[in-house]
PDB file of N, CA and C in Angstrom:
ATOM      1  N   MET A   1      67.350 -34.738  -6.005  1.00  0.00           N
ATOM      2  CA  MET A   1      66.022 -35.172  -6.320  1.00  0.00           C
ATOM      3  C   MET A   1      65.839 -35.237  -7.827  1.00  0.00           C
ATOM      4  N   ALA A   2      65.070 -36.148  -8.158  1.00  0.00           N
ATOM      5  CA  ALA A   2      64.806 -36.329  -9.581  1.00  0.00           C
ATOM      6  C   ALA A   2      63.565 -35.540  -9.958  1.00  0.00           C
ATOM      7  N   THR A   3      63.623 -34.877 -11.083  1.00  0.00           N
ATOM      8  CA  THR A   3      62.457 -34.133 -11.555  1.00  0.00           C
ATOM      9  C   THR A   3      61.547 -35.070 -12.330  1.00  0.00           C
ATOM     10  N   LYS A   4      60.269 -34.787 -12.236  1.00  0.00           N
ATOM     11  CA  LYS A   4      59.297 -35.614 -12.950  1.00  0.00           C
ATOM     12  C   LYS A   4      59.285 -35.220 -14.419  1.00  0.00           C
ATOM     13  N   LYS A   5      59.335 -36.179 -15.240  1.00  0.00           N
ATOM     14  CA  LYS A   5      59.263 -35.919 -16.674  1.00  0.00           C
ATOM     15  C   LYS A   5      57.868 -36.267 -17.148  1.00  0.00           C
ATOM     16  N   THR A   6      57.417 -35.528 -18.132  1.00  0.00           N
ATOM     17  CA  THR A   6      56.103 -35.818 -18.700  1.00  0.00           C
ATOM     18  C   THR A   6      56.187 -37.089 -19.528  1.00  0.00           C
ATOM     19  N   PRO A   7      55.126 -37.864 -19.522  1.00  0.00           N
ATOM     20  CA  PRO A   7      55.154 -39.085 -20.329  1.00  0.00           C
ATOM     21  C   PRO A   7      55.262 -38.741 -21.813  1.00  0.00           C
ATOM     22  N   PRO A   8      55.831 -39.615 -22.590  1.00  0.00           N
ATOM     23  CA  PRO A   8      55.996 -39.309 -24.016  1.00  0.00           C
ATOM     24  C   PRO A   8      54.645 -39.128 -24.702  1.00  0.00           C
ATOM     25  N   GLY A   9      54.532 -38.181 -25.568  1.00  0.00           N
ATOM     26  CA  GLY A   9      53.295 -37.910 -26.298  1.00  0.00           C
ATOM     27  C   GLY A   9      52.533 -36.720 -25.727  1.00  0.00           C
ATOM     28  N   LYS A  10      52.792 -36.322 -24.486  1.00  0.00           N
ATOM     29  CA  LYS A  10      52.116 -35.158 -23.882  1.00  0.00           C
ATOM     30  C   LYS A  10      53.132 -34.041 -23.721  1.00  0.00           C
ATOM     31  N   ARG A  11      52.710 -32.856 -24.037  1.00  0.00           N
ATOM     32  CA  ARG A  11      53.605 -31.713 -23.892  1.00  0.00           C
ATOM     33  C   ARG A  11      53.379 -31.045 -22.549  1.00  0.00           C
ATOM     34  N   LYS A  12      54.362 -30.392 -22.061  1.00  0.00           N
ATOM     35  CA  LYS A  12      54.288 -29.645 -20.813  1.00  0.00           C
ATOM     36  C   LYS A  12      53.536 -28.339 -21.069  1.00  0.00           C
ATOM     37  N   LYS A  13      52.592 -27.977 -20.157  1.00  0.00           N
ATOM     38  CA  LYS A  13      51.826 -26.733 -20.333  1.00  0.00           C
ATOM     39  C   LYS A  13      52.724 -25.542 -20.059  1.00  0.00           C
ATOM     40  N   LYS A  14      52.579 -24.534 -20.904  1.00  0.00           N
ATOM     41  CA  LYS A  14      53.374 -23.328 -20.744  1.00  0.00           C
ATOM     42  C   LYS A  14      52.715 -22.433 -19.703  1.00  0.00           C
ATOM     43  N   LYS A  15      53.493 -21.921 -18.776  1.00  0.00           N
ATOM     44  CA  LYS A  15      52.986 -21.048 -17.722  1.00  0.00           C
ATOM     45  C   LYS A  15      52.825 -19.640 -18.287  1.00  0.00           C
ATOM     46  N   ARG A  16      51.681 -19.039 -18.056  1.00  0.00           N
ATOM     47  CA  ARG A  16      51.450 -17.680 -18.542  1.00  0.00           C
ATOM     48  C   ARG A  16      52.024 -16.673 -17.570  1.00  0.00           C
ATOM     49  N   LYS A  17      52.643 -15.654 -18.102  1.00  0.00           N
ATOM     50  CA  LYS A  17      53.162 -14.581 -17.268  1.00  0.00           C
ATOM     51  C   LYS A  17      52.137 -13.460 -17.239  1.00  0.00           C
ATOM     52  N   ILE A  18      51.863 -12.971 -16.063  1.00  0.00           N
ATOM     53  CA  ILE A  18      50.895 -11.885 -15.908  1.00  0.00           C
ATOM     54  C   ILE A  18      51.667 -10.615 -15.593  1.00  0.00           C
ATOM     55  N   ARG A  19      51.347  -9.573 -16.343  1.00  0.00           N
ATOM     56  CA  ARG A  19      51.982  -8.292 -16.100  1.00  0.00           C
ATOM     57  C   ARG A  19      51.184  -7.533 -15.048  1.00  0.00           C
ATOM     58  N   LEU A  20      51.814  -7.176 -13.968  1.00  0.00           N
ATOM     59  CA  LEU A  20      51.138  -6.435 -12.909  1.00  0.00           C
ATOM     60  C   LEU A  20      51.582  -4.979 -12.966  1.00  0.00           C
ATOM     61  N   SER A  21      50.847  -4.188 -13.693  1.00  0.00           N
ATOM     62  CA  SER A  21      51.167  -2.767 -13.778  1.00  0.00           C
ATOM     63  C   SER A  21      49.883  -1.973 -13.617  1.00  0.00           C
ATOM     64  N   LEU A  22      50.027  -0.786 -13.133  1.00  0.00           N
ATOM     65  CA  LEU A  22      48.877   0.087 -12.946  1.00  0.00           C
ATOM     66  C   LEU A  22      48.656   0.927 -14.196  1.00  0.00           C
ATOM     67  N   LYS A  23      47.408   1.178 -14.484  1.00  0.00           N
ATOM     68  CA  LYS A  23      47.065   1.973 -15.667  1.00  0.00           C
ATOM     69  C   LYS A  23      47.525   3.417 -15.513  1.00  0.00           C
ATOM     70  N   SER A  24      47.558   3.897 -14.291  1.00  0.00           N
ATOM     71  CA  SER A  24      47.912   5.298 -14.086  1.00  0.00           C
ATOM     72  C   SER A  24      49.354   5.577 -14.497  1.00  0.00           C
ATOM     73  N   SER A  25      50.191   4.543 -14.513  1.00  0.00           N
ATOM     74  CA  SER A  25      51.576   4.772 -14.927  1.00  0.00           C
ATOM     75  C   SER A  25      51.651   5.072 -16.424  1.00  0.00           C
ATOM     76  N   LYS A  26      50.652   4.633 -17.178  1.00  0.00           N
ATOM     77  CA  LYS A  26      50.635   4.888 -18.615  1.00  0.00           C
ATOM     78  C   LYS A  26      49.994   6.223 -18.962  1.00  0.00           C
ATOM     79  N   MET A  27      49.344   6.856 -17.997  1.00  0.00           N
ATOM     80  CA  MET A  27      48.707   8.144 -18.275  1.00  0.00           C
ATOM     81  C   MET A  27      49.761   9.232 -18.372  1.00  0.00           C
ATOM     82  N   LYS A  28      49.548  10.128 -19.273  1.00  0.00           N
ATOM     83  CA  LYS A  28      50.477  11.240 -19.433  1.00  0.00           C
ATOM     84  C   LYS A  28      50.101  12.346 -18.461  1.00  0.00           C
ATOM     85  N   LYS A  29      51.047  13.166 -18.143  1.00  0.00           N
ATOM     86  CA  LYS A  29      50.779  14.264 -17.217  1.00  0.00           C
ATOM     87  C   LYS A  29      49.907  15.331 -17.866  1.00  0.00           C
ATOM     88  N   THR A  30      49.836  15.348 -19.171  1.00  0.00           N
ATOM     89  CA  THR A  30      49.009  16.338 -19.862  1.00  0.00           C
ATOM     90  C   THR A  30      47.543  15.934 -19.871  1.00  0.00           C
ATOM     91  N   ASP A  31      47.255  14.661 -19.603  1.00  0.00           N
ATOM     92  CA  ASP A  31      45.860  14.218 -19.549  1.00  0.00           C
ATOM     93  C   ASP A  31      45.181  14.856 -18.348  1.00  0.00           C
ATOM     94  N   SER A  32      44.014  15.415 -18.587  1.00  0.00           N
ATOM     95  CA  SER A  32      43.276  16.042 -17.482  1.00  0.00           C
ATOM     96  C   SER A  32      42.051  15.189 -17.179  1.00  0.00           C
ATOM     97  N   TYR A  33      42.251  14.175 -16.389  1.00  0.00           N
ATOM     98  CA  TYR A  33      41.150  13.275 -16.023  1.00  0.00           C
ATOM     99  C   TYR A  33      40.610  13.691 -14.667  1.00  0.00           C
ATOM    100  N   THR A  34      39.307  13.894 -14.607  1.00  0.00           N
ATOM    101  CA  THR A  34      38.672  14.195 -13.322  1.00  0.00           C
ATOM    102  C   THR A  34      37.680  13.092 -13.021  1.00  0.00           C
ATOM    103  N   ASP A  35      37.646  12.692 -11.805  1.00  0.00           N
ATOM    104  CA  ASP A  35      36.771  11.596 -11.392  1.00  0.00           C
ATOM    105  C   ASP A  35      35.337  12.092 -11.332  1.00  0.00           C
ATOM    106  N   GLN A  36      34.459  11.515 -12.150  1.00  0.00           N
ATOM    107  CA  GLN A  36      33.067  11.945 -12.188  1.00  0.00           C
ATOM    108  C   GLN A  36      32.125  10.854 -11.718  1.00  0.00           C
ATOM    109  N   VAL A  37      32.653   9.857 -11.060  1.00  0.00           N
ATOM    110  CA  VAL A  37      31.839   8.759 -10.556  1.00  0.00           C
ATOM    111  C   VAL A  37      31.621   8.991  -9.068  1.00  0.00           C
ATOM    112  N   GLY A  38      30.413   8.799  -8.597  1.00  0.00           N
ATOM    113  CA  GLY A  38      30.145   8.984  -7.174  1.00  0.00           C
ATOM    114  C   GLY A  38      28.664   9.019  -6.907  1.00  0.00           C
ATOM    115  N   TRP A  39      28.325   9.357  -5.698  1.00  0.00           N
ATOM    116  CA  TRP A  39      26.924   9.409  -5.285  1.00  0.00           C
ATOM    117  C   TRP A  39      26.310  10.718  -5.727  1.00  0.00           C
ATOM    118  N   SER A  40      25.167  10.606  -6.328  1.00  0.00           N
ATOM    119  CA  SER A  40      24.439  11.784  -6.765  1.00  0.00           C
ATOM    120  C   SER A  40      23.431  12.157  -5.683  1.00  0.00           C
ATOM    121  N   THR A  41      23.307  13.427  -5.377  1.00  0.00           N
ATOM    122  CA  THR A  41      22.428  13.847  -4.288  1.00  0.00           C
ATOM    123  C   THR A  41      21.025  14.200  -4.749  1.00  0.00           C
ATOM    124  N   ASP A  42      20.851  14.539  -6.011  1.00  0.00           N
ATOM    125  CA  ASP A  42      19.540  15.009  -6.454  1.00  0.00           C
ATOM    126  C   ASP A  42      18.715  13.939  -7.166  1.00  0.00           C
ATOM    127  N   VAL A  43      19.109  12.704  -7.095  1.00  0.00           N
ATOM    128  CA  VAL A  43      18.384  11.625  -7.767  1.00  0.00           C
ATOM    129  C   VAL A  43      17.686  10.775  -6.722  1.00  0.00           C
ATOM    130  N   GLY A  44      16.459  10.390  -7.007  1.00  0.00           N
ATOM    131  CA  GLY A  44      15.748   9.471  -6.117  1.00  0.00           C
ATOM    132  C   GLY A  44      14.952  10.188  -5.054  1.00  0.00           C
ATOM    133  N   ARG A  45      14.483   9.393  -4.111  1.00  0.00           N
ATOM    134  CA  ARG A  45      13.625   9.902  -3.053  1.00  0.00           C
ATOM    135  C   ARG A  45      14.472  10.366  -1.877  1.00  0.00           C
ATOM    136  N   THR A  46      14.189  11.559  -1.390  1.00  0.00           N
ATOM    137  CA  THR A  46      14.880  12.050  -0.210  1.00  0.00           C
ATOM    138  C   THR A  46      13.966  11.880   0.988  1.00  0.00           C
ATOM    139  N   LEU A  47      14.545  11.451   2.066  1.00  0.00           N
ATOM    140  CA  LEU A  47      13.767  11.208   3.270  1.00  0.00           C
ATOM    141  C   LEU A  47      13.763  12.462   4.131  1.00  0.00           C
ATOM    142  N   GLY A  48      12.597  12.881   4.515  1.00  0.00           N
ATOM    143  CA  GLY A  48      12.460  14.053   5.374  1.00  0.00           C
ATOM    144  C   GLY A  48      11.955  13.641   6.741  1.00  0.00           C
ATOM    145  N   GLU A  49      11.585  14.622   7.512  1.00  0.00           N
ATOM    146  CA  GLU A  49      11.044  14.330   8.836  1.00  0.00           C
ATOM    147  C   GLU A  49       9.649  13.731   8.697  1.00  0.00           C
ATOM    148  N   LYS A  50       9.326  12.856   9.620  1.00  0.00           N
ATOM    149  CA  LYS A  50       7.991  12.262   9.602  1.00  0.00           C
ATOM    150  C   LYS A  50       6.985  13.313  10.049  1.00  0.00           C
ATOM    151  N   SER A  51       5.871  13.362   9.349  1.00  0.00           N
ATOM    152  CA  SER A  51       4.844  14.323   9.723  1.00  0.00           C
ATOM    153  C   SER A  51       4.108  13.812  10.956  1.00  0.00           C
ATOM    154  N   ALA A  52       3.672  14.739  11.770  1.00  0.00           N
ATOM    155  CA  ALA A  52       2.951  14.376  12.987  1.00  0.00           C
ATOM    156  C   ALA A  52       1.597  13.781  12.610  1.00  0.00           C
ATOM    157  N   PRO A  53       1.089  12.850  13.398  1.00  0.00           N
ATOM    158  CA  PRO A  53      -0.228  12.291  13.069  1.00  0.00           C
ATOM    159  C   PRO A  53      -1.294  13.379  13.080  1.00  0.00           C
ATOM    160  N   LYS A  54      -2.147  13.351  12.061  1.00  0.00           N
ATOM    161  CA  LYS A  54      -3.175  14.376  11.917  1.00  0.00           C
ATOM    162  C   LYS A  54      -4.289  14.169  12.926  1.00  0.00           C
ATOM    163  N   ALA A  55      -4.748  15.250  13.509  1.00  0.00           N
ATOM    164  CA  ALA A  55      -5.876  15.187  14.432  1.00  0.00           C
ATOM    165  C   ALA A  55      -7.151  14.943  13.622  1.00  0.00           C
ATOM    166  N   PRO A  56      -8.119  14.245  14.184  1.00  0.00           N
ATOM    167  CA  PRO A  56      -9.348  13.985  13.421  1.00  0.00           C
ATOM    168  C   PRO A  56     -10.102  15.282  13.113  1.00  0.00           C
ATOM    169  N   ASP A  57     -10.763  15.311  11.960  1.00  0.00           N
ATOM    170  CA  ASP A  57     -11.519  16.493  11.536  1.00  0.00           C
ATOM    171  C   ASP A  57     -12.917  16.514  12.138  1.00  0.00           C
ATOM    172  N   THR A  58     -13.351  15.405  12.704  1.00  0.00           N
ATOM    173  CA  THR A  58     -14.687  15.335  13.307  1.00  0.00           C
ATOM    174  C   THR A  58     -14.570  14.921  14.768  1.00  0.00           C
ATOM    175  N   ILE A  59     -15.586  15.300  15.542  1.00  0.00           N
ATOM    176  CA  ILE A  59     -15.672  14.879  16.942  1.00  0.00           C
ATOM    177  C   ILE A  59     -16.990  14.139  17.141  1.00  0.00           C
ATOM    178  N   LYS A  60     -17.027  13.269  18.156  1.00  0.00           N
ATOM    179  CA  LYS A  60     -18.270  12.561  18.475  1.00  0.00           C
ATOM    180  C   LYS A  60     -18.981  13.329  19.581  1.00  0.00           C
ATOM    181  N   HIS A  61     -20.272  13.510  19.390  1.00  0.00           N
ATOM    182  CA  HIS A  61     -21.081  14.242  20.373  1.00  0.00           C
ATOM    183  C   HIS A  61     -22.364  13.458  20.622  1.00  0.00           C
ATOM    184  N   GLN A  62     -22.759  13.378  21.897  1.00  0.00           N
ATOM    185  CA  GLN A  62     -23.992  12.672  22.245  1.00  0.00           C
ATOM    186  C   GLN A  62     -25.044  13.690  22.668  1.00  0.00           C
ATOM    187  N   CYS A  63     -26.224  13.566  22.066  1.00  0.00           N
ATOM    188  CA  CYS A  63     -27.335  14.468  22.378  1.00  0.00           C
ATOM    189  C   CYS A  63     -27.805  14.188  23.808  1.00  0.00           C
ATOM    190  N   LYS A  64     -28.036  15.259  24.582  1.00  0.00           N
ATOM    191  CA  LYS A  64     -28.475  15.098  25.976  1.00  0.00           C
ATOM    192  C   LYS A  64     -29.953  14.751  26.074  1.00  0.00           C
ATOM    193  N   MET A  65     -30.693  15.014  25.013  1.00  0.00           N
ATOM    194  CA  MET A  65     -32.135  14.778  25.036  1.00  0.00           C
ATOM    195  C   MET A  65     -32.478  13.334  24.636  1.00  0.00           C
ATOM    196  N   CYS A  66     -31.986  12.880  23.474  1.00  0.00           N
ATOM    197  CA  CYS A  66     -32.373  11.546  22.985  1.00  0.00           C
ATOM    198  C   CYS A  66     -31.238  10.521  23.083  1.00  0.00           C
ATOM    199  N   GLY A  67     -29.999  10.954  23.323  1.00  0.00           N
ATOM    200  CA  GLY A  67     -28.867  10.031  23.474  1.00  0.00           C
ATOM    201  C   GLY A  67     -28.212   9.589  22.175  1.00  0.00           C
ATOM    202  N   THR A  68     -28.592  10.187  21.061  1.00  0.00           N
ATOM    203  CA  THR A  68     -28.006   9.829  19.769  1.00  0.00           C
ATOM    204  C   THR A  68     -26.563  10.330  19.702  1.00  0.00           C
ATOM    205  N   ILE A  69     -25.663   9.467  19.217  1.00  0.00           N
ATOM    206  CA  ILE A  69     -24.263   9.869  19.044  1.00  0.00           C
ATOM    207  C   ILE A  69     -24.090  10.347  17.608  1.00  0.00           C
ATOM    208  N   MET A  70     -23.528  11.558  17.469  1.00  0.00           N
ATOM    209  CA  MET A  70     -23.350  12.168  16.146  1.00  0.00           C
ATOM    210  C   MET A  70     -21.872  12.460  15.908  1.00  0.00           C
ATOM    211  N   LYS A  71     -21.484  12.422  14.652  1.00  0.00           N
ATOM    212  CA  LYS A  71     -20.150  12.874  14.258  1.00  0.00           C
ATOM    213  C   LYS A  71     -20.320  14.277  13.702  1.00  0.00           C
ATOM    214  N   VAL A  72     -19.691  15.234  14.361  1.00  0.00           N
ATOM    215  CA  VAL A  72     -19.852  16.646  14.016  1.00  0.00           C
ATOM    216  C   VAL A  72     -18.488  17.184  13.586  1.00  0.00           C
ATOM    217  N   PRO A  73     -18.441  18.059  12.585  1.00  0.00           N
ATOM    218  CA  PRO A  73     -17.159  18.671  12.215  1.00  0.00           C
ATOM    219  C   PRO A  73     -16.559  19.412  13.403  1.00  0.00           C
ATOM    220  N   LYS A  74     -15.240  19.363  13.495  1.00  0.00           N
ATOM    221  CA  LYS A  74     -14.546  20.010  14.606  1.00  0.00           C
ATOM    222  C   LYS A  74     -14.797  21.515  14.545  1.00  0.00           C
ATOM    223  N   PRO A  75     -15.215  22.128  15.660  1.00  0.00           N
ATOM    224  CA  PRO A  75     -15.525  23.567  15.644  1.00  0.00           C
ATOM    225  C   PRO A  75     -14.267  24.406  15.457  1.00  0.00           C
ATOM    226  N   LYS A  76     -14.416  25.494  14.699  1.00  0.00           N
ATOM    227  CA  LYS A  76     -13.306  26.402  14.452  1.00  0.00           C
ATOM    228  C   LYS A  76     -13.327  27.583  15.409  1.00  0.00           C
ATOM    229  N   LYS A  77     -14.493  27.871  15.966  1.00  0.00           N
ATOM    230  CA  LYS A  77     -14.638  29.003  16.885  1.00  0.00           C
ATOM    231  C   LYS A  77     -14.881  28.488  18.295  1.00  0.00           C
ATOM    232  N   ALA A  78     -14.809  29.378  19.262  1.00  0.00           N
ATOM    233  CA  ALA A  78     -15.030  28.999  20.661  1.00  0.00           C
ATOM    234  C   ALA A  78     -16.515  28.776  20.935  1.00  0.00           C
ATOM    235  N   ARG A  79     -17.382  29.560  20.281  1.00  0.00           N
ATOM    236  CA  ARG A  79     -18.830  29.413  20.480  1.00  0.00           C
ATOM    237  C   ARG A  79     -19.436  28.723  19.272  1.00  0.00           C
ATOM    238  N   TYR A  80     -20.182  27.656  19.511  1.00  0.00           N
ATOM    239  CA  TYR A  80     -20.842  26.958  18.413  1.00  0.00           C
ATOM    240  C   TYR A  80     -22.095  26.266  18.911  1.00  0.00           C
ATOM    241  N   THR A  81     -22.953  25.891  17.946  1.00  0.00           N
ATOM    242  CA  THR A  81     -24.238  25.257  18.239  1.00  0.00           C
ATOM    243  C   THR A  81     -24.315  23.936  17.481  1.00  0.00           C
ATOM    244  N   ILE A  82     -24.824  22.894  18.175  1.00  0.00           N
ATOM    245  CA  ILE A  82     -25.047  21.600  17.532  1.00  0.00           C
ATOM    246  C   ILE A  82     -26.535  21.303  17.613  1.00  0.00           C
ATOM    247  N   THR A  83     -27.127  20.962  16.455  1.00  0.00           N
ATOM    248  CA  THR A  83     -28.546  20.610  16.402  1.00  0.00           C
ATOM    249  C   THR A  83     -28.658  19.118  16.112  1.00  0.00           C
ATOM    250  N   CYS A  84     -29.417  18.403  16.937  1.00  0.00           N
ATOM    251  CA  CYS A  84     -29.621  16.964  16.759  1.00  0.00           C
ATOM    252  C   CYS A  84     -30.572  16.734  15.586  1.00  0.00           C
ATOM    253  N   PRO A  85     -30.217  15.870  14.610  1.00  0.00           N
ATOM    254  CA  PRO A  85     -31.101  15.642  13.462  1.00  0.00           C
ATOM    255  C   PRO A  85     -32.327  14.792  13.806  1.00  0.00           C
ATOM    256  N   HIS A  86     -32.302  14.047  14.934  1.00  0.00           N
ATOM    257  CA  HIS A  86     -33.424  13.175  15.290  1.00  0.00           C
ATOM    258  C   HIS A  86     -34.508  13.914  16.074  1.00  0.00           C
ATOM    259  N   CYS A  87     -34.078  14.628  17.133  1.00  0.00           N
ATOM    260  CA  CYS A  87     -35.083  15.302  17.969  1.00  0.00           C
ATOM    261  C   CYS A  87     -35.058  16.819  17.808  1.00  0.00           C
ATOM    262  N   GLU A  88     -34.151  17.347  16.983  1.00  0.00           N
ATOM    263  CA  GLU A  88     -33.992  18.779  16.713  1.00  0.00           C
ATOM    264  C   GLU A  88     -33.720  19.594  17.973  1.00  0.00           C
ATOM    265  N   HIS A  89     -33.058  18.980  18.943  1.00  0.00           N
ATOM    266  CA  HIS A  89     -32.639  19.679  20.155  1.00  0.00           C
ATOM    267  C   HIS A  89     -31.354  20.439  19.842  1.00  0.00           C
ATOM    268  N   GLN A  90     -31.273  21.702  20.299  1.00  0.00           N
ATOM    269  CA  GLN A  90     -30.093  22.521  20.043  1.00  0.00           C
ATOM    270  C   GLN A  90     -29.272  22.636  21.317  1.00  0.00           C
ATOM    271  N   GLU A  91     -27.955  22.440  21.170  1.00  0.00           N
ATOM    272  CA  GLU A  91     -27.047  22.591  22.306  1.00  0.00           C
ATOM    273  C   GLU A  91     -26.054  23.690  21.970  1.00  0.00           C
ATOM    274  N   PHE A  92     -25.858  24.594  22.920  1.00  0.00           N
ATOM    275  CA  PHE A  92     -24.955  25.726  22.751  1.00  0.00           C
ATOM    276  C   PHE A  92     -23.690  25.484  23.574  1.00  0.00           C
ATOM    277  N   PHE A  93     -22.555  25.766  22.979  1.00  0.00           N
ATOM    278  CA  PHE A  93     -21.270  25.621  23.672  1.00  0.00           C
ATOM    279  C   PHE A  93     -20.517  26.926  23.584  1.00  0.00           C
ATOM    280  N   GLU A  94     -19.816  27.264  24.669  1.00  0.00           N
ATOM    281  CA  GLU A  94     -19.002  28.490  24.692  1.00  0.00           C
ATOM    282  C   GLU A  94     -17.575  28.170  25.032  1.00  0.00           C
TER     283      GLU A  94
END
């Protein structure tokens, strides 16, 4: 087979040689390199457990006398009294 020759006036491009060597082969055994790249645990937002939905702080109560619906703070004790602001009727709960 005949090889192709470049036309006169143009030069043939020189092929570059690439050296394939690892950097670690150039490291000396006396070098004390420790890998300090990685995931950091104390940076950023940490995800915890989801909090349970909060119970409402108020309850709805309807007066038995006038029928007005009121929002009353949730009772902390077993026995409590609710007074209607419209008709001033008092209801006792145990």
